[in-house]
């Protein structure tokens, strides 16, 4: 007689947990969209304090708004760039940063409270609680990373560190990938009590790493405002790469700190990452994951088109945000492909 896998428990509800995690993943994608708007509207430094609990209540009267505005007027961004901004203008940028932080709290509650409910009712399959707790801890760490990013722009700089921005975005997408992978494992367990968690194959790890590097380059591009350097494609101005570009030492730092080089590398490394994830999706198709294959092909094509459109429109906000959101959705499709080729027999 066949015995259930070690992850099976009579009271467990793996399908319910999978659906809950899919909902959390959707909230994270929404968070990525709001984060993109916050960055593109230069709103990220409008709230100069980190109050994880009391910060959920926004200013409610004129005195409180003036106090928040006074805090903002003390930082270099206001003094050097936005000097003369009205209170009405400040309220606009405050809105996006407030929504971004509020959504972070909502996601935290949307993860923690259902997890507590499932745990109390002993509905979490055996072996999955440590993984879910690790994801919860990563979510808490992400809040700290967000403040670490904001703090970089409050004293000397007029914007946040692009490196810290890349860490913040990468951490968000790491959590997104972990949530989706866990949901897929749980879905398999719901279909077959003998199912065991999928493994991360070398091919999948390589494709995901290349995609992660491309996304980090995108964060560098956004953080350095490198998208504004050249608004043409495929050439940068009249050449493939402008020969009179000033370089910094050591040479490798240009890929991180030089806006022109960052834009150039982000343009062309995209095709390396695209080949890797399409190859992964082709392998997944042979394993029967036709939907994941089709999604990757569609999303890769759309991502390239959106990236080119972002440049040609001079970083028009709606297109740039769509480019960032599509990257998150593409990650989900790539994770699904990686999971498909990593499934193991019970």
Protein backbone atom coordinates (compact mmCIF):
# COMPACT_ATOMS: atom_id res chain seq x y z
CA UNK A 1 0.00 0.00 0.00
CA UNK A 2 1.35 3.42 -0.95
CA UNK A 3 2.09 5.78 1.90
CA UNK A 4 1.66 9.58 1.72
CA UNK A 5 4.78 11.73 1.36
CA UNK A 6 6.40 13.20 4.49
CA UNK A 7 4.67 16.48 3.63
CA UNK A 8 1.22 14.97 3.96
CA UNK A 9 -0.90 15.44 7.09
CA UNK A 10 -4.52 14.33 7.43
CA UNK A 11 -5.70 17.79 8.52
CA UNK A 12 -3.51 19.63 6.01
CA UNK A 13 -5.06 21.85 3.34
CA UNK A 14 -2.29 22.32 0.76
CA UNK A 15 -4.62 23.66 -1.92
CA UNK A 16 -5.98 26.35 0.41
CA UNK A 17 -2.44 27.37 1.33
CA UNK A 18 -1.43 27.47 -2.33
CA UNK A 19 -4.34 29.77 -3.19
CA UNK A 20 -3.46 32.02 -0.25
CA UNK A 21 0.15 32.26 -1.44
CA UNK A 22 -0.98 33.10 -4.97
CA UNK A 23 -2.96 36.01 -3.49
CA UNK A 24 0.13 37.16 -1.57
CA UNK A 25 2.14 36.95 -4.81
CA UNK A 26 -0.42 39.20 -6.52
CA UNK A 27 -0.02 41.75 -3.71
CA UNK A 28 3.76 41.67 -4.15
CA UNK A 29 3.38 42.38 -7.88
CA UNK A 30 1.14 45.33 -6.96
CA UNK A 31 3.83 46.45 -4.52
CA UNK A 32 6.41 46.36 -7.32
CA UNK A 33 4.12 48.60 -9.41
CA UNK A 34 3.64 51.12 -6.62
CA UNK A 35 7.37 51.03 -5.89
CA UNK A 36 8.07 51.85 -9.53
CA UNK A 37 5.69 54.80 -9.44
CA UNK A 38 7.24 55.98 -6.19
CA UNK A 39 10.70 55.95 -7.74
CA UNK A 40 9.71 57.55 -11.04
CA UNK A 41 7.79 60.37 -9.34
CA UNK A 42 10.75 61.02 -7.01
CA UNK A 43 8.47 60.41 -4.02
CA UNK A 44 10.62 58.01 -2.02
CA UNK A 45 12.18 60.59 0.33
CA UNK A 46 8.96 62.40 1.22
CA UNK A 47 8.60 60.49 4.51
CA UNK A 48 11.79 61.03 6.49
CA UNK A 49 11.05 58.78 9.48
CA UNK A 50 10.51 55.06 9.91
CA UNK A 51 7.63 54.29 12.23
CA UNK A 52 6.58 50.68 11.59
CA UNK A 53 3.52 50.90 13.87
CA UNK A 54 2.46 54.54 14.27
CA UNK A 55 3.41 55.36 10.67
CA UNK A 56 0.26 53.68 9.44
CA UNK A 57 -1.71 56.83 10.37
CA UNK A 58 -1.11 59.64 7.85
CA UNK A 59 -1.33 63.37 8.71
CA UNK A 60 -4.95 64.25 9.43
CA UNK A 61 -4.83 68.01 10.03
CA UNK A 62 -2.96 71.07 8.84
CA UNK A 63 -0.51 71.10 11.75
CA UNK A 64 0.53 67.50 11.11
CA UNK A 65 0.96 68.18 7.40
CA UNK A 66 3.14 71.19 8.14
CA UNK A 67 5.26 69.10 10.51
CA UNK A 68 5.81 66.42 7.86
CA UNK A 69 6.62 69.08 5.27
CA UNK A 70 9.10 70.72 7.66
CA UNK A 71 10.89 67.37 8.05
CA UNK A 72 11.15 67.06 4.28
CA UNK A 73 12.46 70.62 3.95
CA UNK A 74 15.49 69.66 6.06
CA UNK A 75 16.87 67.08 3.61
CA UNK A 76 19.12 67.76 0.58
CA UNK A 77 16.51 66.73 -2.00
CA UNK A 78 14.25 69.60 -1.01
CA UNK A 79 17.05 72.12 -0.49
CA UNK A 80 18.84 71.40 -3.77
CA UNK A 81 16.09 70.19 -6.11
CA UNK A 82 12.59 70.94 -4.82
CA UNK A 83 13.20 74.22 -3.03
CA UNK A 84 10.01 76.24 -3.28
CA UNK A 85 7.72 73.20 -3.50
CA UNK A 86 4.25 73.98 -2.17
CA UNK A 87 2.46 71.96 0.49
CA UNK A 88 0.10 70.72 -2.21
CA UNK A 89 3.03 69.41 -4.25
CA UNK A 90 4.46 67.74 -1.15
CA UNK A 91 1.15 65.99 -0.49
CA UNK A 92 1.36 64.45 -3.99
CA UNK A 93 4.76 62.84 -3.46
CA UNK A 94 3.85 61.94 0.15
CA UNK A 95 0.86 59.99 -1.19
CA UNK A 96 2.91 57.54 -3.22
CA UNK A 97 5.48 56.86 -0.51
CA UNK A 98 2.70 56.44 2.06
CA UNK A 99 0.80 53.99 -0.18
CA UNK A 100 4.05 52.08 -0.79
CA UNK A 101 4.70 51.70 2.94
CA UNK A 102 1.06 50.96 3.71
CA UNK A 103 0.97 48.20 1.11
CA UNK A 104 4.08 46.70 2.70
CA UNK A 105 2.21 46.49 6.01
CA UNK A 106 -0.83 45.01 4.27
CA UNK A 107 1.31 42.30 2.69
CA UNK A 108 2.86 41.53 6.06
CA UNK A 109 -0.55 41.07 7.65
CA UNK A 110 -1.86 39.16 4.63
CA UNK A 111 0.97 36.69 5.17
CA UNK A 112 1.24 36.53 8.96
CA UNK A 113 -2.43 36.31 9.97
CA UNK A 114 -3.50 33.50 7.59
CA UNK A 115 -0.29 31.62 8.44
CA UNK A 116 -1.18 31.83 12.13
CA UNK A 117 -4.72 30.62 11.35
CA UNK A 118 -3.48 27.64 9.31
CA UNK A 119 -0.92 26.81 12.01
CA UNK A 120 -3.45 26.88 14.86
CA UNK A 121 -5.76 24.59 12.92
CA UNK A 122 -2.83 22.30 12.05
CA UNK A 123 -3.51 22.69 8.34
CA UNK A 124 0.08 23.34 7.25
CA UNK A 125 1.58 20.20 5.68
CA UNK A 126 4.49 18.71 7.59
CA UNK A 127 7.82 20.24 6.64
CA UNK A 128 6.39 23.47 5.22
CA UNK A 129 6.22 25.60 8.35
CA UNK A 130 9.97 26.40 8.45
CA UNK A 131 9.85 27.54 4.83
CA UNK A 132 6.80 29.72 5.45
CA UNK A 133 8.38 31.23 8.57
CA UNK A 134 11.53 31.97 6.56
CA UNK A 135 9.44 33.84 3.98
CA UNK A 136 7.75 35.78 6.78
CA UNK A 137 11.15 36.71 8.21
CA UNK A 138 12.33 37.83 4.77
CA UNK A 139 9.27 40.06 4.56
CA UNK A 140 10.20 41.70 7.86
CA UNK A 141 13.78 42.12 6.67
CA UNK A 142 12.48 43.72 3.48
CA UNK A 143 10.91 46.50 5.55
CA UNK A 144 14.27 47.15 7.18
CA UNK A 145 15.98 47.12 3.78
CA UNK A 146 13.45 49.67 2.55
CA UNK A 147 14.32 52.04 5.39
CA UNK A 148 18.05 51.40 4.86
CA UNK A 149 17.49 52.48 1.26
CA UNK A 150 15.55 55.63 2.19
CA UNK A 151 18.10 56.58 4.86
CA UNK A 152 20.80 56.78 2.17
CA UNK A 153 19.12 59.88 0.72
CA UNK A 154 18.36 61.85 3.88
CA UNK A 155 21.68 63.47 4.78
CA UNK A 156 24.17 63.93 1.91
CA UNK A 157 22.61 62.60 -1.29
CA UNK A 158 19.62 64.09 -3.11
CA UNK A 159 18.27 60.63 -3.91
CA UNK A 160 18.52 57.09 -2.60
CA UNK A 161 21.52 54.88 -3.31
CA UNK A 162 20.94 52.99 -6.55
CA UNK A 163 22.78 50.01 -5.06
CA UNK A 164 20.43 49.92 -2.09
CA UNK A 165 17.51 50.34 -4.47
CA UNK A 166 18.70 47.26 -6.36
CA UNK A 167 18.99 45.30 -3.10
CA UNK A 168 15.46 46.37 -2.13
CA UNK A 169 13.95 45.34 -5.47
CA UNK A 170 15.94 42.10 -5.60
CA UNK A 171 14.80 41.15 -2.09
CA UNK A 172 11.17 41.78 -3.09
CA UNK A 173 11.52 39.52 -6.12
CA UNK A 174 13.33 36.87 -4.08
CA UNK A 175 10.34 36.78 -1.76
CA UNK A 176 8.00 36.68 -4.76
CA UNK A 177 9.89 33.74 -6.24
CA UNK A 178 9.90 31.89 -2.91
CA UNK A 179 6.17 32.42 -2.42
CA UNK A 180 5.34 31.18 -5.93
CA UNK A 181 7.67 28.15 -5.68
CA UNK A 182 6.12 27.16 -2.34
CA UNK A 183 2.62 27.57 -3.76
CA UNK A 184 3.53 25.29 -6.67
CA UNK A 185 4.89 22.65 -4.27
CA UNK A 186 1.68 22.83 -2.26
CA UNK A 187 -0.45 22.59 -5.39
CA UNK A 188 1.41 19.42 -6.36
CA UNK A 189 0.87 18.02 -2.88
CA UNK A 190 -2.85 18.77 -3.14
CA UNK A 191 -3.02 16.83 -6.41
CA UNK A 192 -0.96 13.91 -5.13
CA UNK A 193 -0.31 13.14 -1.43
CA UNK A 194 2.83 11.31 -2.59
CA UNK A 195 4.34 14.44 -4.16
CA UNK A 196 7.65 15.77 -2.86
CA UNK A 197 8.98 19.34 -3.22
CA UNK A 198 10.65 20.19 -6.52
CA UNK A 199 14.41 20.74 -6.62
CA UNK A 200 16.25 23.67 -8.18
CA UNK A 201 18.22 22.25 -11.12
CA UNK A 202 21.52 23.79 -12.35
CA UNK A 203 19.84 25.02 -15.55
CA UNK A 204 17.05 26.68 -13.58
CA UNK A 205 19.50 28.25 -11.14
CA UNK A 206 21.58 29.67 -14.00
CA UNK A 207 18.55 31.10 -15.82
CA UNK A 208 17.16 32.65 -12.63
CA UNK A 209 20.57 34.14 -11.78
CA UNK A 210 20.88 35.77 -15.21
CA UNK A 211 17.36 37.15 -14.93
CA UNK A 212 18.15 38.47 -11.44
CA UNK A 213 21.27 40.22 -12.77
CA UNK A 214 19.24 41.86 -15.53
CA UNK A 215 16.66 43.06 -13.02
CA UNK A 216 19.43 44.44 -10.79
CA UNK A 217 20.81 46.30 -13.82
CA UNK A 218 17.32 47.69 -14.33
CA UNK A 219 17.33 48.96 -10.75
CA UNK A 220 20.73 50.59 -11.34
CA UNK A 221 19.28 52.20 -14.48
CA UNK A 222 16.32 53.58 -12.53
CA UNK A 223 18.37 54.68 -9.53
CA UNK A 224 20.96 56.50 -11.66
CA UNK A 225 18.30 57.97 -13.99
CA UNK A 226 20.34 56.25 -16.69
CA UNK A 227 17.25 55.77 -18.84
CA UNK A 228 17.41 59.48 -19.67
CA UNK A 229 21.02 59.28 -20.94
CA UNK A 230 20.04 58.26 -24.49
CA UNK A 231 16.50 58.04 -25.88
CA UNK A 232 17.33 56.12 -29.04
CA UNK A 233 17.56 52.44 -29.92
CA UNK A 234 19.48 50.37 -30.98
CA UNK A 235 22.13 53.10 -31.20
CA UNK A 236 23.06 55.42 -28.36
CA UNK A 237 22.96 58.64 -30.29
CA UNK A 238 24.82 57.93 -33.53
CA UNK A 239 26.92 55.00 -32.36
CA UNK A 240 26.49 51.66 -30.66
CA UNK A 241 28.36 53.05 -27.67
CA UNK A 242 29.43 56.70 -27.33
CA UNK A 243 33.22 56.74 -27.48
CA UNK A 244 33.67 59.97 -25.50
CA UNK A 245 31.99 58.58 -22.39
CA UNK A 246 33.99 59.48 -19.24
CA UNK A 247 35.02 56.36 -17.32
CA UNK A 248 35.67 55.80 -13.64
CA UNK A 249 38.33 53.68 -11.94
CA UNK A 250 38.45 50.81 -11.33
CA UNK A 251 36.89 49.76 -14.63
CA UNK A 252 34.32 47.36 -13.13
CA UNK A 253 32.66 50.22 -11.24
CA UNK A 254 31.36 51.62 -14.53
CA UNK A 255 28.83 48.76 -14.68
CA UNK A 256 27.50 49.92 -11.31
CA UNK A 257 28.05 53.70 -11.16
CA UNK A 258 28.36 55.04 -14.72
CA UNK A 259 24.87 55.87 -16.12
CA UNK A 260 25.91 55.53 -19.78
CA UNK A 261 27.63 52.17 -19.25
CA UNK A 262 24.77 50.91 -17.08
CA UNK A 263 22.23 51.75 -19.78
CA UNK A 264 24.40 50.08 -22.44
CA UNK A 265 24.86 46.87 -20.43
CA UNK A 266 21.17 46.78 -19.45
CA UNK A 267 20.20 47.09 -23.14
CA UNK A 268 22.26 44.17 -24.35
CA UNK A 269 22.51 41.86 -21.36
CA UNK A 270 18.71 41.63 -21.71
CA UNK A 271 19.18 39.31 -24.69
CA UNK A 272 21.53 37.03 -22.74
CA UNK A 273 18.93 36.72 -19.98
CA UNK A 274 16.17 36.25 -22.57
CA UNK A 275 17.98 33.34 -24.24
CA UNK A 276 18.54 31.69 -20.86
CA UNK A 277 14.93 31.88 -19.70
CA UNK A 278 13.56 30.82 -23.10
CA UNK A 279 15.88 27.80 -23.04
CA UNK A 280 14.62 26.97 -19.56
CA UNK A 281 11.01 27.33 -20.72
CA UNK A 282 11.70 25.02 -23.68
CA UNK A 283 12.90 22.37 -21.24
CA UNK A 284 9.77 22.92 -19.16
CA UNK A 285 7.62 22.44 -22.25
CA UNK A 286 9.15 19.01 -22.73
CA UNK A 287 8.04 18.24 -19.16
CA UNK A 288 4.47 19.17 -20.07
CA UNK A 289 4.50 22.78 -18.80
CA UNK A 290 3.09 24.23 -22.01
CA UNK A 291 1.42 27.18 -20.26
CA UNK A 292 4.67 28.21 -18.57
CA UNK A 293 6.50 27.97 -21.91
CA UNK A 294 3.93 30.13 -23.66
CA UNK A 295 3.92 32.68 -20.83
CA UNK A 296 7.71 33.03 -20.87
CA UNK A 297 7.81 33.53 -24.65
CA UNK A 298 5.05 36.14 -24.54
CA UNK A 299 6.45 37.99 -21.52
CA UNK A 300 10.04 38.03 -22.79
CA UNK A 301 8.89 39.58 -26.06
CA UNK A 302 6.72 42.09 -24.23
CA UNK A 303 9.55 42.96 -21.85
CA UNK A 304 11.90 43.78 -24.70
CA UNK A 305 9.26 45.91 -26.43
CA UNK A 306 8.48 47.76 -23.18
CA UNK A 307 12.17 48.34 -22.52
CA UNK A 308 12.70 49.87 -25.96
CA UNK A 309 9.50 51.93 -25.60
CA UNK A 310 10.69 53.22 -22.21
CA UNK A 311 13.83 54.58 -23.88
CA UNK A 312 12.12 55.99 -26.96
CA UNK A 313 9.49 57.84 -24.89
CA UNK A 314 12.07 59.41 -22.58
CA UNK A 315 11.01 57.18 -19.66
CA UNK A 316 7.28 57.85 -19.81
CA UNK A 317 5.99 56.77 -16.39
CA UNK A 318 3.19 54.41 -17.42
CA UNK A 319 5.45 52.53 -19.85
CA UNK A 320 8.37 52.39 -17.40
CA UNK A 321 6.09 51.04 -14.65
CA UNK A 322 4.65 48.46 -17.05
CA UNK A 323 8.25 47.43 -17.85
CA UNK A 324 8.96 46.87 -14.15
CA UNK A 325 5.71 45.03 -13.46
CA UNK A 326 6.18 42.80 -16.50
CA UNK A 327 9.61 41.85 -15.11
CA UNK A 328 7.91 40.62 -11.93
CA UNK A 329 5.31 38.65 -13.89
CA UNK A 330 8.06 37.20 -16.10
CA UNK A 331 9.85 36.07 -12.95
CA UNK A 332 6.72 34.16 -11.92
CA UNK A 333 6.59 32.41 -15.30
CA UNK A 334 10.29 31.55 -15.10
CA UNK A 335 9.86 30.18 -11.57
CA UNK A 336 6.98 28.04 -12.83
CA UNK A 337 9.23 26.73 -15.62
CA UNK A 338 12.05 26.02 -13.16
CA UNK A 339 9.62 24.21 -10.87
CA UNK A 340 8.32 22.09 -13.74
CA UNK A 341 11.75 20.71 -14.62
CA UNK A 342 12.61 20.24 -10.94
CA UNK A 343 9.73 17.94 -10.07
CA UNK A 344 10.88 14.60 -8.68
CA UNK A 345 9.16 11.24 -8.54
CA UNK A 346 7.67 10.43 -5.16
